[in-house]
């Protein structure tokens, strides 16, 4: 096939036809990649496309100019002015200006590539869906009966938007064109809405506290038959990254951090169910692609390997590698030895650090040693493979790298994760010092050549 998909939109299990997005238009091809055909010729590029379950409607995202932010828009006598005009937060996030444009959800009738008149669900509203800066396609879904659209947004503006984490899940009903806030009264992030396969349950992730972006993330479900809502992970001492439904609609599989790794956990869709850890090992399960019979298809990384596809046996947790995309490159590289090291902190707790040794490490020699300080400040330091902070590449220059899971990181309980709040220069820094002091007792560490690296909160830590 000459046409490489930008994004798969839909797969028809009966015909095997694959609907995909290419250059902002909808295409269709056979399962083997042949007979690719452009189906739509829509004015303007389509983004985040979802076709309704009954195949009669389509939704997509489009930017809409709501607020005049440029000086030339506000002042007719300054046609060449390119300055932005702000009188309130939120005027910028990282490297992106708030330019007055907002991502809105549109829907239209759809038939064999023909798209009808698009309707803006968020007409004239200065809000974004997907939510910025972290939202994606998971922020907008169809209901199983194709009669409504669920979408995530934070309906706040200016300073209120900047200091709040109170996103909500809204339900837009096509027939009545009426919008309901289905998480009204839930004050933190409400994200990732997903219906069970049988349509009897709606699940989503939710944080409790407004303004606390690293709060415990729980899985909630709404039981449509019982008209009841439950927090399934309320008593579990951890925080959820993402989840998918089991094909039986009776279980949920979710990703969460555990002791410097990200693993798959299993949870019955029942209020009294307990959490079961399904996988365990020195790796990260970076994403869950989907389910095939009793196998979960995932991507897996570690500090020496970028993502590859693996299957997970749902009864045993055993894993089987399905792809080896970079094998020829790995075969030419000397890999780093990575091991966990536990240290007693200044307040008597146990601290895990990942230690990455140079290829061909010889304990009889001395090596310069780097203390890696993680940013966030409440993001995990796990077995990720980074193209920006690559531990394998650092160690390959002849360094020992010690990367501590200091206070503030998920994977060691909610309290450990929270302890950095209001104490950025206190116990977390003592944790760093405990870790580097501990490894420096080794005869292979050159104590005259100790360094530290990091960015964001990691840079703050170093200073």
Protein backbone atom coordinates (compact mmCIF):
# COMPACT_ATOMS: atom_id res chain seq x y z
CA UNK A 1 0.00 0.00 0.00
CA UNK A 2 1.33 3.42 -0.96
CA UNK A 3 -0.90 5.26 1.48
CA UNK A 4 0.48 5.06 5.02
CA UNK A 5 -2.27 5.71 7.60
CA UNK A 6 -1.82 8.63 9.96
CA UNK A 7 -4.42 7.11 12.29
CA UNK A 8 -6.70 4.06 12.25
CA UNK A 9 -10.32 5.15 12.77
CA UNK A 10 -12.33 1.94 12.48
CA UNK A 11 -12.01 -1.75 11.65
CA UNK A 12 -15.07 -3.64 10.40
CA UNK A 13 -14.90 -7.17 11.90
CA UNK A 14 -17.18 -8.60 9.18
CA UNK A 15 -15.64 -7.19 6.01
CA UNK A 16 -12.16 -6.61 7.39
CA UNK A 17 -12.21 -3.12 5.90
CA UNK A 18 -9.99 -0.59 7.67
CA UNK A 19 -11.02 3.06 7.82
CA UNK A 20 -8.12 5.43 8.43
CA UNK A 21 -7.08 9.06 8.38
CA UNK A 22 -4.51 10.28 5.88
CA UNK A 23 -3.58 13.94 5.37
CA UNK A 24 -6.74 15.04 7.18
CA UNK A 25 -9.11 12.97 5.01
CA UNK A 26 -10.86 9.62 5.50
CA UNK A 27 -9.62 6.61 3.53
CA UNK A 28 -10.58 2.93 3.43
CA UNK A 29 -8.57 -0.17 2.54
CA UNK A 30 -8.69 -3.96 2.76
CA UNK A 31 -7.21 -5.76 5.77
CA UNK A 32 -4.07 -6.66 3.79
CA UNK A 33 -3.43 -3.01 2.92
CA UNK A 34 -4.65 -3.20 -0.67
CA UNK A 35 -7.38 -1.25 -2.52
CA UNK A 36 -6.81 1.96 -0.56
CA UNK A 37 -9.37 4.59 -1.55
CA UNK A 38 -9.96 8.16 -0.40
CA UNK A 39 -13.52 8.39 0.91
CA UNK A 40 -13.88 12.01 2.01
CA UNK A 41 -13.03 15.31 0.39
CA UNK A 42 -13.84 17.58 3.32
CA UNK A 43 -12.88 21.24 3.29
CA UNK A 44 -10.20 21.55 5.95
CA UNK A 45 -8.31 18.78 7.71
CA UNK A 46 -10.15 16.36 10.00
CA UNK A 47 -8.62 15.57 13.41
CA UNK A 48 -9.43 13.06 16.18
CA UNK A 49 -12.09 11.40 14.04
CA UNK A 50 -14.55 8.90 15.52
CA UNK A 51 -17.33 7.22 13.55
CA UNK A 52 -20.48 6.39 15.52
CA UNK A 53 -21.19 2.71 16.28
CA UNK A 54 -24.18 2.73 13.90
CA UNK A 55 -21.93 4.29 11.18
CA UNK A 56 -24.43 7.13 10.60
CA UNK A 57 -22.51 10.01 12.18
CA UNK A 58 -18.96 11.23 12.55
CA UNK A 59 -17.29 13.46 15.11
CA UNK A 60 -14.05 15.34 14.81
CA UNK A 61 -12.09 18.22 16.33
CA UNK A 62 -11.60 21.63 14.78
CA UNK A 63 -10.06 24.85 16.10
CA UNK A 64 -12.44 27.80 16.37
CA UNK A 65 -11.45 31.43 16.87
CA UNK A 66 -13.44 32.60 19.89
CA UNK A 67 -11.47 35.49 21.43
CA UNK A 68 -9.62 38.29 19.67
CA UNK A 69 -6.12 38.10 21.11
CA UNK A 70 -4.01 39.78 18.40
CA UNK A 71 -3.67 43.56 18.53
CA UNK A 72 -4.64 43.90 14.83
CA UNK A 73 -7.88 42.05 15.60
CA UNK A 74 -8.73 44.52 18.36
CA UNK A 75 -7.55 47.70 16.69
CA UNK A 76 -8.51 48.37 13.08
CA UNK A 77 -5.92 51.18 12.85
CA UNK A 78 -3.06 48.72 13.58
CA UNK A 79 -3.31 46.24 10.67
CA UNK A 80 0.37 45.27 10.85
CA UNK A 81 0.56 44.76 14.62
CA UNK A 82 1.49 41.20 15.57
CA UNK A 83 1.48 41.66 19.36
CA UNK A 84 -0.71 39.56 21.63
CA UNK A 85 -2.92 41.41 24.10
CA UNK A 86 -3.66 39.79 27.46
CA UNK A 87 -5.26 41.15 30.59
CA UNK A 88 -5.55 37.87 32.49
CA UNK A 89 -4.13 34.40 32.85
CA UNK A 90 -3.95 31.91 31.08
CA UNK A 91 -1.85 33.60 28.40
CA UNK A 92 0.74 30.90 27.68
CA UNK A 93 1.52 27.27 28.45
CA UNK A 94 5.13 26.17 27.99
CA UNK A 95 5.96 27.23 24.42
CA UNK A 96 2.40 27.84 23.18
CA UNK A 97 0.54 31.16 23.31
CA UNK A 98 -3.16 31.25 24.11
CA UNK A 99 -4.06 32.69 20.70
CA UNK A 100 -7.83 32.90 21.09
CA UNK A 101 -8.46 29.66 19.21
CA UNK A 102 -10.08 26.73 21.01
CA UNK A 103 -10.46 23.09 19.99
CA UNK A 104 -14.15 22.19 19.68
CA UNK A 105 -16.04 18.96 19.07
CA UNK A 106 -18.06 18.82 15.85
CA UNK A 107 -20.38 16.11 14.57
CA UNK A 108 -22.16 15.51 11.27
CA UNK A 109 -24.06 12.85 9.34
CA UNK A 110 -21.79 10.38 7.58
CA UNK A 111 -22.23 7.89 4.74
CA UNK A 112 -19.45 6.30 2.68
CA UNK A 113 -17.16 9.28 3.07
CA UNK A 114 -19.86 11.91 2.57
CA UNK A 115 -19.93 14.27 5.55
CA UNK A 116 -22.98 16.43 6.20
CA UNK A 117 -23.24 19.85 7.81
CA UNK A 118 -20.99 20.02 10.88
CA UNK A 119 -22.51 21.07 14.21
CA UNK A 120 -20.35 22.60 16.96
CA UNK A 121 -21.21 21.03 20.34
CA UNK A 122 -19.40 23.85 22.16
CA UNK A 123 -20.66 26.81 20.16
CA UNK A 124 -19.06 30.12 21.23
CA UNK A 125 -17.49 28.55 24.34
CA UNK A 126 -13.87 29.54 25.20
CA UNK A 127 -12.98 25.99 26.24
CA UNK A 128 -10.93 23.18 24.73
CA UNK A 129 -11.69 19.57 23.94
CA UNK A 130 -9.42 17.69 23.98
CA UNK A 131 -8.38 19.45 27.20
CA UNK A 132 -5.03 21.22 27.01
CA UNK A 133 -2.21 20.47 27.31
CA UNK A 134 -2.51 16.73 28.01
CA UNK A 135 -5.82 15.59 26.51
CA UNK A 136 -6.12 13.40 23.44
CA UNK A 137 -8.58 11.31 21.50
CA UNK A 138 -9.69 9.61 24.73
CA UNK A 139 -11.39 12.89 25.69
CA UNK A 140 -14.32 12.41 23.29
CA UNK A 141 -16.33 9.22 22.63
CA UNK A 142 -19.65 7.99 21.26
CA UNK A 143 -22.21 6.28 23.44
CA UNK A 144 -22.81 2.63 22.41
CA UNK A 145 -26.29 3.49 21.08
CA UNK A 146 -24.87 6.36 18.95
CA UNK A 147 -27.41 8.75 20.48
CA UNK A 148 -24.98 10.91 22.44
CA UNK A 149 -21.39 12.13 22.59
CA UNK A 150 -19.32 12.29 25.78
CA UNK A 151 -16.52 14.81 25.94
CA UNK A 152 -14.03 16.13 28.52
CA UNK A 153 -13.33 19.81 29.05
CA UNK A 154 -12.63 22.35 31.76
CA UNK A 155 -15.33 25.00 31.52
CA UNK A 156 -13.30 27.75 33.13
CA UNK A 157 -11.50 30.74 31.65
CA UNK A 158 -8.59 33.03 32.51
CA UNK A 159 -7.09 32.78 35.97
CA UNK A 160 -9.83 30.36 37.07
CA UNK A 161 -8.67 27.98 34.32
CA UNK A 162 -4.99 28.35 35.21
CA UNK A 163 -5.35 27.38 38.87
CA UNK A 164 -8.02 24.68 38.52
CA UNK A 165 -7.87 20.99 37.60
CA UNK A 166 -11.65 20.60 37.61
CA UNK A 167 -12.38 19.02 34.25
CA UNK A 168 -15.78 17.41 33.78
CA UNK A 169 -17.34 14.86 31.46
CA UNK A 170 -20.24 16.24 29.46
CA UNK A 171 -22.89 14.31 27.56
CA UNK A 172 -24.37 15.90 24.43
CA UNK A 173 -27.64 14.30 23.30
CA UNK A 174 -28.06 14.46 19.52
CA UNK A 175 -31.87 14.50 19.35
CA UNK A 176 -32.46 17.26 21.89
CA UNK A 177 -29.10 19.02 21.42
CA UNK A 178 -29.00 19.22 25.21
CA UNK A 179 -25.77 18.99 27.25
CA UNK A 180 -25.50 17.35 30.70
CA UNK A 181 -22.57 17.55 33.13
CA UNK A 182 -22.39 13.93 34.29
CA UNK A 183 -19.56 14.52 36.78
CA UNK A 184 -21.02 17.63 38.37
CA UNK A 185 -19.73 17.99 41.95
CA UNK A 186 -16.56 15.94 41.32
CA UNK A 187 -13.91 18.59 41.83
CA UNK A 188 -10.64 17.29 40.32
CA UNK A 189 -9.66 15.84 36.95
CA UNK A 190 -12.42 13.68 35.42
CA UNK A 191 -11.02 12.06 32.28
CA UNK A 192 -10.88 8.96 30.04
CA UNK A 193 -14.61 8.08 29.81
CA UNK A 194 -15.12 4.57 28.44
CA UNK A 195 -18.22 2.40 28.13
CA UNK A 196 -18.13 -1.32 28.81
CA UNK A 197 -18.66 -3.49 25.75
CA UNK A 198 -22.23 -4.32 26.76
CA UNK A 199 -23.02 -0.65 27.40
CA UNK A 200 -24.18 -1.31 30.97
CA UNK A 201 -21.34 0.64 32.63
CA UNK A 202 -19.48 3.89 32.10
CA UNK A 203 -16.01 4.10 33.65
CA UNK A 204 -13.68 7.08 33.98
CA UNK A 205 -10.71 8.26 36.03
CA UNK A 206 -11.15 10.96 38.65
CA UNK A 207 -9.11 12.98 41.13
CA UNK A 208 -10.82 14.41 44.20
CA UNK A 209 -9.06 17.72 44.89
CA UNK A 210 -9.35 20.79 42.68
CA UNK A 211 -5.97 22.36 41.98
CA UNK A 212 -3.90 19.26 42.84
CA UNK A 213 -2.75 17.89 39.50
CA UNK A 214 -0.99 14.83 40.98
CA UNK A 215 -3.79 13.70 43.28
CA UNK A 216 -4.69 10.01 43.60
CA UNK A 217 -6.34 9.00 40.32
CA UNK A 218 -9.23 6.57 40.89
CA UNK A 219 -11.45 4.52 38.59
CA UNK A 220 -15.14 5.30 38.96
CA UNK A 221 -18.01 3.44 37.28
CA UNK A 222 -21.66 4.25 36.78
CA UNK A 223 -24.01 1.25 36.72
CA UNK A 224 -26.89 2.13 34.40
CA UNK A 225 -29.08 -0.79 35.50
CA UNK A 226 -28.77 0.05 39.21
CA UNK A 227 -28.41 3.81 38.66
CA UNK A 228 -25.42 3.76 41.04
CA UNK A 229 -21.95 5.28 41.00
CA UNK A 230 -18.91 3.68 42.69
CA UNK A 231 -15.21 4.41 43.23
CA UNK A 232 -13.60 1.03 42.47
CA UNK A 233 -10.09 1.92 43.68
CA UNK A 234 -11.03 3.95 46.74
CA UNK A 235 -9.27 1.59 49.19
CA UNK A 236 -6.28 0.82 46.93
CA UNK A 237 -3.10 2.70 47.87
CA UNK A 238 -2.04 3.73 44.39
CA UNK A 239 -2.89 5.96 41.45
CA UNK A 240 -4.19 4.88 38.03
CA UNK A 241 -2.54 5.95 34.76
CA UNK A 242 -5.00 4.56 32.18
CA UNK A 243 -7.42 1.65 31.76
CA UNK A 244 -9.39 -0.48 29.29
CA UNK A 245 -12.42 -2.73 29.67
CA UNK A 246 -12.18 -6.49 29.41
CA UNK A 247 -14.22 -7.88 26.52
CA UNK A 248 -16.49 -9.61 29.05
CA UNK A 249 -17.46 -6.19 30.53
CA UNK A 250 -16.89 -7.68 33.99
CA UNK A 251 -13.27 -6.58 34.50
CA UNK A 252 -11.05 -3.57 34.00
CA UNK A 253 -7.33 -3.67 33.25
CA UNK A 254 -5.35 -0.60 34.23
CA UNK A 255 -1.78 0.69 34.26
CA UNK A 256 -0.17 2.03 37.42
CA UNK A 257 3.32 2.59 38.79
CA UNK A 258 4.84 0.12 41.24
CA UNK A 259 8.36 0.39 42.68
CA UNK A 260 9.97 2.18 39.75
CA UNK A 261 8.05 0.31 37.05
CA UNK A 262 4.65 0.56 35.33
CA UNK A 263 2.57 -2.61 35.39
CA UNK A 264 -0.82 -4.03 34.42
CA UNK A 265 -3.39 -4.46 37.20
CA UNK A 266 -6.75 -6.23 37.12
CA UNK A 267 -9.97 -5.11 38.81
CA UNK A 268 -13.44 -6.62 38.88
CA UNK A 269 -16.13 -4.09 37.90
CA UNK A 270 -17.69 -4.48 41.32
CA UNK A 271 -17.68 -2.15 44.31
CA UNK A 272 -16.28 -4.83 46.64
CA UNK A 273 -13.57 -6.06 44.24
CA UNK A 274 -9.87 -5.90 45.13
CA UNK A 275 -6.95 -4.91 42.89
CA UNK A 276 -4.73 -7.69 41.49
CA UNK A 277 -1.27 -7.02 40.04
CA UNK A 278 -1.09 -8.95 36.77
CA UNK A 279 2.47 -8.31 35.56
CA UNK A 280 5.74 -7.85 37.41
CA UNK A 281 9.26 -7.28 36.18
CA UNK A 282 11.99 -4.74 35.41
CA UNK A 283 10.07 -2.99 32.63
CA UNK A 284 7.30 -0.50 31.93
CA UNK A 285 4.05 -1.47 30.28
CA UNK A 286 3.81 1.83 28.41
CA UNK A 287 0.36 1.32 26.86
CA UNK A 288 -2.42 -1.20 26.37
CA UNK A 289 -3.26 -1.59 22.68
CA UNK A 290 -6.22 -3.94 23.04
CA UNK A 291 -7.40 -7.46 23.84
CA UNK A 292 -7.33 -10.60 21.73
CA UNK A 293 -9.16 -13.50 23.38
CA UNK A 294 -7.26 -14.13 26.65
CA UNK A 295 -4.28 -12.04 25.62
CA UNK A 296 -3.74 -8.36 26.31
CA UNK A 297 -1.62 -6.61 23.67
CA UNK A 298 0.71 -4.01 25.19
CA UNK A 299 3.80 -1.97 24.45
CA UNK A 300 6.77 -2.55 26.75
CA UNK A 301 9.96 -0.59 27.39
CA UNK A 302 12.97 -0.66 29.67
CA UNK A 303 15.99 1.60 30.03
CA UNK A 304 17.84 -0.32 27.30
CA UNK A 305 14.94 -0.85 24.87
CA UNK A 306 12.39 1.36 23.12
CA UNK A 307 8.78 0.20 22.81
CA UNK A 308 7.91 -3.17 21.29
CA UNK A 309 4.64 -5.09 21.23
CA UNK A 310 4.11 -7.89 23.74
CA UNK A 311 1.18 -10.12 24.63
CA UNK A 312 0.16 -10.66 28.25
CA UNK A 313 -1.59 -13.89 29.25
CA UNK A 314 -4.55 -12.68 31.30
CA UNK A 315 -4.63 -15.80 33.47
CA UNK A 316 -0.93 -15.95 34.38
CA UNK A 317 0.56 -12.57 33.48
CA UNK A 318 3.19 -14.31 31.33
CA UNK A 319 4.52 -12.13 28.50
CA UNK A 320 5.55 -12.95 24.93
CA UNK A 321 7.41 -10.57 22.65
CA UNK A 322 5.60 -9.96 19.33
CA UNK A 323 7.86 -7.43 17.61
CA UNK A 324 11.59 -6.69 17.60
CA UNK A 325 11.69 -3.49 15.57
CA UNK A 326 15.21 -2.40 16.55
CA UNK A 327 16.90 -5.80 16.95
CA UNK A 328 19.53 -5.16 14.27
CA UNK A 329 20.54 -1.94 16.04
CA UNK A 330 20.51 -3.48 19.53
CA UNK A 331 22.70 -6.33 18.29
CA UNK A 332 25.41 -3.77 17.55
CA UNK A 333 25.21 -2.05 20.94
CA UNK A 334 26.77 -2.91 24.28
CA UNK A 335 23.90 -2.67 26.75
CA UNK A 336 24.02 -1.18 30.22
CA UNK A 337 23.48 -3.27 33.32
CA UNK A 338 20.52 -1.79 35.25
CA UNK A 339 19.85 -2.83 38.81
CA UNK A 340 17.71 -1.67 41.71
CA UNK A 341 19.37 -0.44 44.87
CA UNK A 342 17.60 0.22 48.17
CA UNK A 343 18.85 2.91 50.54
CA UNK A 344 17.77 3.97 54.04
CA UNK A 345 16.66 7.60 54.01
CA UNK A 346 17.33 10.24 56.66
CA UNK A 347 13.91 9.59 58.20
CA UNK A 348 14.29 5.81 58.19
CA UNK A 349 12.32 4.95 55.03
CA UNK A 350 13.42 2.67 52.19
CA UNK A 351 14.34 4.41 48.92
CA UNK A 352 14.68 2.62 45.57
CA UNK A 353 17.18 3.92 43.03
CA UNK A 354 17.87 2.61 39.55
CA UNK A 355 21.61 2.27 39.00
CA UNK A 356 22.75 2.21 35.37
CA UNK A 357 26.31 1.00 34.86
CA UNK A 358 28.55 1.70 31.84
CA UNK A 359 28.78 -1.12 29.28
CA UNK A 360 31.62 -3.45 30.23
CA UNK A 361 31.54 -2.23 33.83
CA UNK A 362 34.56 -3.37 35.84
CA UNK A 363 34.12 -3.08 39.65
CA UNK A 364 37.90 -2.91 40.00
CA UNK A 365 37.97 0.44 38.22
CA UNK A 366 36.70 3.86 39.31
CA UNK A 367 33.98 5.72 37.40
CA UNK A 368 32.60 9.25 37.48
CA UNK A 369 29.04 9.09 38.79
CA UNK A 370 25.96 11.15 37.93
CA UNK A 371 22.97 11.72 40.19
CA UNK A 372 19.90 12.00 37.97
CA UNK A 373 17.21 14.29 39.38
CA UNK A 374 13.73 13.75 37.97
CA UNK A 375 11.40 16.57 36.98
CA UNK A 376 7.68 16.71 37.57
CA UNK A 377 7.96 17.06 40.50
CA UNK A 378 5.44 14.21 40.94
CA UNK A 379 6.10 12.20 37.80
CA UNK A 380 7.40 8.63 37.95
CA UNK A 381 11.00 7.56 37.47
CA UNK A 382 10.35 4.16 36.00
CA UNK A 383 11.74 1.86 33.31
CA UNK A 384 10.90 4.34 30.55
CA UNK A 385 12.98 4.68 27.40
CA UNK A 386 13.51 8.36 26.70
CA UNK A 387 14.79 10.05 23.56
CA UNK A 388 15.55 13.13 25.67
CA UNK A 389 16.95 11.73 28.95
CA UNK A 390 18.43 8.45 27.82
CA UNK A 391 20.18 6.62 30.65
CA UNK A 392 21.72 4.08 28.28
CA UNK A 393 23.43 6.89 26.37
CA UNK A 394 24.60 8.62 29.56
CA UNK A 395 26.14 5.45 30.91
CA UNK A 396 27.74 4.69 27.53
CA UNK A 397 29.92 7.78 28.01
CA UNK A 398 31.58 6.04 30.97
CA UNK A 399 29.36 7.19 33.81
CA UNK A 400 27.56 5.34 36.55
CA UNK A 401 24.09 6.88 36.76
CA UNK A 402 22.05 6.70 39.97
CA UNK A 403 18.36 7.62 39.56
CA UNK A 404 16.46 7.73 42.88
CA UNK A 405 12.68 7.34 43.27
CA UNK A 406 12.68 10.14 45.83
CA UNK A 407 9.70 11.48 47.77
CA UNK A 408 6.95 12.74 45.50
CA UNK A 409 6.89 9.91 42.96
CA UNK A 410 3.98 7.49 42.41
CA UNK A 411 4.46 3.78 42.97
CA UNK A 412 5.02 3.74 46.74
CA UNK A 413 1.61 4.71 48.04
CA UNK A 414 -0.41 7.91 48.08
CA UNK A 415 1.39 9.40 51.10
CA UNK A 416 4.88 9.00 49.55
CA UNK A 417 3.57 10.60 46.36
CA UNK A 418 2.12 13.56 48.28
CA UNK A 419 5.01 14.27 50.64
CA UNK A 420 6.78 16.60 48.23
CA UNK A 421 3.87 19.07 48.30
CA UNK A 422 5.07 22.23 50.04
CA UNK A 423 8.45 20.62 50.76
CA UNK A 424 10.28 20.85 47.45
CA UNK A 425 13.63 21.69 49.03
CA UNK A 426 13.29 19.45 52.08
CA UNK A 427 12.96 15.67 52.35
CA UNK A 428 13.10 15.00 48.58
CA UNK A 429 16.56 16.61 48.46
CA UNK A 430 17.63 14.60 51.51
CA UNK A 431 16.49 11.48 49.61
CA UNK A 432 18.74 12.42 46.70
CA UNK A 433 21.70 12.95 49.01
CA UNK A 434 21.07 9.64 50.79
CA UNK A 435 21.10 7.81 47.45
CA UNK A 436 24.31 9.35 46.11
CA UNK A 437 26.07 9.04 49.48
CA UNK A 438 25.11 5.37 49.60
CA UNK A 439 26.45 4.43 46.17
CA UNK A 440 29.57 6.56 46.76
CA UNK A 441 30.64 4.06 49.40
CA UNK A 442 31.36 1.65 46.58
CA UNK A 443 35.07 1.37 45.66
CA UNK A 444 34.21 1.78 41.96
CA UNK A 445 32.84 5.34 42.44
CA UNK A 446 35.31 8.17 41.85
CA UNK A 447 34.32 10.51 44.68
CA UNK A 448 36.31 13.35 43.09
CA UNK A 449 34.06 13.23 40.02
CA UNK A 450 30.46 13.32 41.23
CA UNK A 451 27.91 15.27 39.20
CA UNK A 452 24.17 15.87 38.94
CA UNK A 453 21.84 16.31 35.96
CA UNK A 454 18.18 17.14 35.59
CA UNK A 455 15.64 19.60 34.24
CA UNK A 456 12.49 21.30 35.50
CA UNK A 457 12.18 20.25 39.15
CA UNK A 458 15.36 18.25 38.50
CA UNK A 459 17.16 21.50 37.68
CA UNK A 460 15.71 23.09 40.81
CA UNK A 461 16.98 20.11 42.80
CA UNK A 462 20.53 20.53 41.51
CA UNK A 463 20.66 24.25 42.33
